[in-house]
Structures are given as C-alpha cells and as structure tokens.
Amino acid sequence: MQFIKLPAVALMLLSFNAAAEVQLTKADVLGTWQIDKESNTSDGSKARSSNTTWTFKDDGTIEGMTHENDSHARIDQMRAVLNYSVEGGKIVKQAAPGRSKMETCEAIEKAGNNMVLKCQTVYFFMTKK
C-alpha cells in the first residue's frame, strides 16, 4: 500500500508545480506590453488576435489602447486608464474604468519579454515592447 501512495503524492506535487504562477514585481511589469492574443485556455488554442497595448506606469495606472482594424467598427481606437498594484506577486487591477471592483491577474509564464497573464477566465499572451 505504501508504494501506491508515494507515486500518487509525487504526481500531485509535480502537477501542482507545473501550474504554479510566476511571482511578479512592479519592476517586472513596468513598460508597454503588446497583447498578441487572448484565449480562454492556457495553451492559447482557440485564441483571438488582439491589437491592444497595456502600458504599466510607475504611478499605479495602466493605460490600455486598442486599435480596431475593422472598417465597420464604430470607433477606430479606444483608450482606458485603470488603477493597479502588484501584491503578493500578482497584479491587482480595476476590472473596468470608473468602477471600484478589482480583479487579480497572475502570471502563468514569464520568459524574457514574453508573459502569459491570467485574469479571471481570460489568458493574455503578451510581449514587452
């Protein structure tokens, strides 16, 4: 019986480590990030491309800018400013401009200038400019 428990515990620990988030600092996120795609899955399958940048500023604000390429869109660009902080290695940001509700985003992966950020149920695949 002991031999069966040990591999099961080892498997649980390995799967936990594979899903662990990356601890972020404010220095890690400062600057402009291009959101390459958004997906509901962590592997990026069924993703939709994005033409959005998020600029994390030292004053605790994020400036989001989206440019629309659709000729039938009502507006060609949208700008929003949100408040954010980095707490416990995660980004805590306003869910929407003008609202007090905050959401927590965690970095699932970060390698050099690339990062996968999970906010609620959406994964953002980002590249630092």
C-alpha atoms as a PDB file:
ATOM      1  CA  MET A   1       0.000   0.000   0.000  1.00  0.00           C
ATOM      2  CA  GLN A   2       2.874   2.405   0.720  1.00  0.00           C
ATOM      3  CA  PHE A   3       4.148   2.082  -2.849  1.00  0.00           C
ATOM      4  CA  ILE A   4       0.816   3.197  -4.278  1.00  0.00           C
ATOM      5  CA  LYS A   5       0.557   6.268  -2.022  1.00  0.00           C
ATOM      6  CA  LEU A   6       4.053   7.560  -2.757  1.00  0.00           C
ATOM      7  CA  PRO A   7       3.665   7.812  -6.571  1.00  0.00           C
ATOM      8  CA  ALA A   8       0.240   9.415  -6.153  1.00  0.00           C
ATOM      9  CA  VAL A   9       1.635  12.073  -3.822  1.00  0.00           C
ATOM     10  CA  ALA A  10       4.619  12.667  -6.115  1.00  0.00           C
ATOM     11  CA  LEU A  11       2.281  13.066  -9.098  1.00  0.00           C
ATOM     12  CA  MET A  12       0.155  15.582  -7.198  1.00  0.00           C
ATOM     13  CA  LEU A  13       3.220  17.652  -6.285  1.00  0.00           C
ATOM     14  CA  LEU A  14       4.538  17.628  -9.843  1.00  0.00           C
ATOM     15  CA  SER A  15       1.212  18.736 -11.294  1.00  0.00           C
ATOM     16  CA  PHE A  16       0.956  21.497  -8.660  1.00  0.00           C
ATOM     17  CA  ASN A  17       4.395  22.861  -9.548  1.00  0.00           C
ATOM     18  CA  ALA A  18       3.606  22.850 -13.263  1.00  0.00           C
ATOM     19  CA  ALA A  19       0.592  25.108 -12.679  1.00  0.00           C
ATOM     20  CA  ALA A  20       2.276  27.460 -10.202  1.00  0.00           C
ATOM     21  CA  GLU A  21       2.254  31.113 -11.109  1.00  0.00           C
ATOM     22  CA  VAL A  22       5.284  33.343 -11.543  1.00  0.00           C
ATOM     23  CA  GLN A  23       5.801  35.883  -8.753  1.00  0.00           C
ATOM     24  CA  LEU A  24       5.840  39.387 -10.284  1.00  0.00           C
ATOM     25  CA  THR A  25       7.303  42.635  -9.018  1.00  0.00           C
ATOM     26  CA  LYS A  26       6.357  46.129 -10.139  1.00  0.00           C
ATOM     27  CA  ALA A  27       9.686  46.320 -11.989  1.00  0.00           C
ATOM     28  CA  ASP A  28       8.708  43.209 -13.992  1.00  0.00           C
ATOM     29  CA  VAL A  29       5.542  44.801 -15.379  1.00  0.00           C
ATOM     30  CA  LEU A  30       6.544  48.458 -15.869  1.00  0.00           C
ATOM     31  CA  GLY A  31       6.524  49.484 -19.516  1.00  0.00           C
ATOM     32  CA  THR A  32       4.419  48.744 -22.569  1.00  0.00           C
ATOM     33  CA  TRP A  33       3.124  45.260 -23.328  1.00  0.00           C
ATOM     34  CA  GLN A  34       1.608  44.209 -26.660  1.00  0.00           C
ATOM     35  CA  ILE A  35      -1.257  41.765 -26.180  1.00  0.00           C
ATOM     36  CA  ASP A  36      -0.689  39.324 -29.024  1.00  0.00           C
ATOM     37  CA  LYS A  37      -3.755  37.193 -28.392  1.00  0.00           C
ATOM     38  CA  GLU A  38      -6.474  36.389 -25.851  1.00  0.00           C
ATOM     39  CA  SER A  39      -7.741  32.908 -25.079  1.00  0.00           C
ATOM     40  CA  ASN A  40      -9.988  31.058 -22.657  1.00  0.00           C
ATOM     41  CA  THR A  41      -7.386  28.281 -22.483  1.00  0.00           C
ATOM     42  CA  SER A  42      -3.885  28.366 -21.024  1.00  0.00           C
ATOM     43  CA  ASP A  43      -2.335  26.830 -24.150  1.00  0.00           C
ATOM     44  CA  GLY A  44      -3.672  29.606 -26.385  1.00  0.00           C
ATOM     45  CA  SER A  45      -5.842  27.369 -28.519  1.00  0.00           C
ATOM     46  CA  LYS A  46      -8.949  28.996 -29.964  1.00  0.00           C
ATOM     47  CA  ALA A  47      -7.335  32.385 -29.338  1.00  0.00           C
ATOM     48  CA  ARG A  48      -8.347  35.598 -30.982  1.00  0.00           C
ATOM     49  CA  SER A  49      -5.729  38.077 -32.075  1.00  0.00           C
ATOM     50  CA  SER A  50      -5.582  41.457 -30.439  1.00  0.00           C
ATOM     51  CA  ASN A  51      -4.293  44.866 -31.398  1.00  0.00           C
ATOM     52  CA  THR A  52      -4.045  46.163 -27.828  1.00  0.00           C
ATOM     53  CA  THR A  53      -1.252  47.541 -25.687  1.00  0.00           C
ATOM     54  CA  TRP A  54      -1.152  47.922 -21.917  1.00  0.00           C
ATOM     55  CA  THR A  55       1.308  50.457 -20.515  1.00  0.00           C
ATOM     56  CA  PHE A  56       2.026  49.904 -16.821  1.00  0.00           C
ATOM     57  CA  LYS A  57       3.170  53.187 -15.293  1.00  0.00           C
ATOM     58  CA  ASP A  58       5.088  53.834 -12.089  1.00  0.00           C
ATOM     59  CA  ASP A  59       2.213  55.979 -10.749  1.00  0.00           C
ATOM     60  CA  GLY A  60      -0.006  52.881 -10.382  1.00  0.00           C
ATOM     61  CA  THR A  61      -2.018  53.258 -13.582  1.00  0.00           C
ATOM     62  CA  ILE A  62      -2.349  51.110 -16.690  1.00  0.00           C
ATOM     63  CA  GLU A  63      -3.112  52.826 -19.969  1.00  0.00           C
ATOM     64  CA  GLY A  64      -4.844  50.443 -22.328  1.00  0.00           C
ATOM     65  CA  MET A  65      -5.034  51.296 -26.035  1.00  0.00           C
ATOM     66  CA  THR A  66      -6.917  49.227 -28.600  1.00  0.00           C
ATOM     67  CA  HIS A  67      -6.797  49.900 -32.327  1.00  0.00           C
ATOM     68  CA  GLU A  68      -9.594  48.401 -34.405  1.00  0.00           C
ATOM     69  CA  ASN A  69      -8.855  47.299 -37.968  1.00  0.00           C
ATOM     70  CA  ASP A  70     -12.491  46.544 -38.831  1.00  0.00           C
ATOM     71  CA  SER A  71     -13.771  49.117 -41.331  1.00  0.00           C
ATOM     72  CA  HIS A  72     -17.310  48.618 -39.961  1.00  0.00           C
ATOM     73  CA  ALA A  73     -16.358  49.379 -36.360  1.00  0.00           C
ATOM     74  CA  ARG A  74     -17.952  52.414 -34.740  1.00  0.00           C
ATOM     75  CA  ILE A  75     -14.616  53.694 -33.451  1.00  0.00           C
ATOM     76  CA  ASP A  76     -11.094  53.037 -34.675  1.00  0.00           C
ATOM     77  CA  GLN A  77      -9.404  53.192 -31.279  1.00  0.00           C
ATOM     78  CA  MET A  78     -10.255  53.082 -27.602  1.00  0.00           C
ATOM     79  CA  ARG A  79      -8.200  54.266 -24.625  1.00  0.00           C
ATOM     80  CA  ALA A  80      -8.810  53.406 -20.971  1.00  0.00           C
ATOM     81  CA  VAL A  81      -6.871  54.144 -17.798  1.00  0.00           C
ATOM     82  CA  LEU A  82      -7.098  51.723 -14.863  1.00  0.00           C
ATOM     83  CA  ASN A  83      -5.503  51.661 -11.416  1.00  0.00           C
ATOM     84  CA  TYR A  84      -3.279  48.723 -10.488  1.00  0.00           C
ATOM     85  CA  SER A  85      -0.861  47.463  -7.870  1.00  0.00           C
ATOM     86  CA  VAL A  86       1.384  44.436  -7.502  1.00  0.00           C
ATOM     87  CA  GLU A  87       0.550  42.497  -4.340  1.00  0.00           C
ATOM     88  CA  GLY A  88       1.858  39.088  -3.354  1.00  0.00           C
ATOM     89  CA  GLY A  89       3.450  38.628  -6.779  1.00  0.00           C
ATOM     90  CA  LYS A  90       0.135  39.234  -8.610  1.00  0.00           C
ATOM     91  CA  ILE A  91      -1.347  42.218 -10.431  1.00  0.00           C
ATOM     92  CA  VAL A  92      -4.461  43.651  -8.793  1.00  0.00           C
ATOM     93  CA  LYS A  93      -6.227  45.979 -11.246  1.00  0.00           C
ATOM     94  CA  GLN A  94      -9.540  47.699 -11.767  1.00  0.00           C
ATOM     95  CA  ALA A  95     -11.960  45.447 -13.609  1.00  0.00           C
ATOM     96  CA  ALA A  96     -13.296  48.399 -15.649  1.00  0.00           C
ATOM     97  CA  PRO A  97     -12.703  52.165 -15.763  1.00  0.00           C
ATOM     98  CA  GLY A  98     -14.696  54.113 -13.187  1.00  0.00           C
ATOM     99  CA  ARG A  99     -15.536  51.053 -11.098  1.00  0.00           C
ATOM    100  CA  SER A 100     -14.194  50.166  -7.689  1.00  0.00           C
ATOM    101  CA  LYS A 101     -14.255  46.396  -8.369  1.00  0.00           C
ATOM    102  CA  MET A 102     -10.755  44.956  -8.601  1.00  0.00           C
ATOM    103  CA  GLU A 103      -9.570  41.719 -10.218  1.00  0.00           C
ATOM    104  CA  THR A 104      -6.416  39.720  -9.605  1.00  0.00           C
ATOM    105  CA  CYS A 105      -4.232  38.627 -12.509  1.00  0.00           C
ATOM    106  CA  GLU A 106      -1.411  36.130 -12.169  1.00  0.00           C
ATOM    107  CA  ALA A 107       1.493  35.417 -14.474  1.00  0.00           C
ATOM    108  CA  ILE A 108       1.291  31.776 -15.528  1.00  0.00           C
ATOM    109  CA  GLU A 109       4.517  32.018 -17.557  1.00  0.00           C
ATOM    110  CA  LYS A 110       7.205  34.665 -17.960  1.00  0.00           C
ATOM    111  CA  ALA A 111      10.325  34.243 -20.062  1.00  0.00           C
ATOM    112  CA  GLY A 112      12.276  37.329 -21.047  1.00  0.00           C
ATOM    113  CA  ASN A 113       9.911  39.723 -22.804  1.00  0.00           C
ATOM    114  CA  ASN A 114       7.060  37.207 -23.078  1.00  0.00           C
ATOM    115  CA  MET A 115       4.377  36.640 -20.470  1.00  0.00           C
ATOM    116  CA  VAL A 116       1.086  34.783 -20.155  1.00  0.00           C
ATOM    117  CA  LEU A 117      -1.212  36.603 -17.757  1.00  0.00           C
ATOM    118  CA  LYS A 118      -4.418  35.040 -16.427  1.00  0.00           C
ATOM    119  CA  CYS A 119      -7.144  37.496 -15.398  1.00  0.00           C
ATOM    120  CA  GLN A 120     -10.365  35.825 -14.201  1.00  0.00           C
ATOM    121  CA  THR A 121     -11.055  33.377 -17.062  1.00  0.00           C
ATOM    122  CA  VAL A 122      -9.027  35.022 -19.859  1.00  0.00           C
ATOM    123  CA  TYR A 123      -5.381  34.346 -20.692  1.00  0.00           C
ATOM    124  CA  PHE A 124      -3.449  37.232 -22.242  1.00  0.00           C
ATOM    125  CA  PHE A 125      -0.389  36.296 -24.288  1.00  0.00           C
ATOM    126  CA  MET A 126       1.850  39.362 -24.137  1.00  0.00           C
ATOM    127  CA  THR A 127       5.172  40.663 -25.449  1.00  0.00           C
ATOM    128  CA  LYS A 128       7.026  43.583 -23.882  1.00  0.00           C
ATOM    129  CA  LYS A 129       7.825  46.321 -26.399  1.00  0.00           C
END
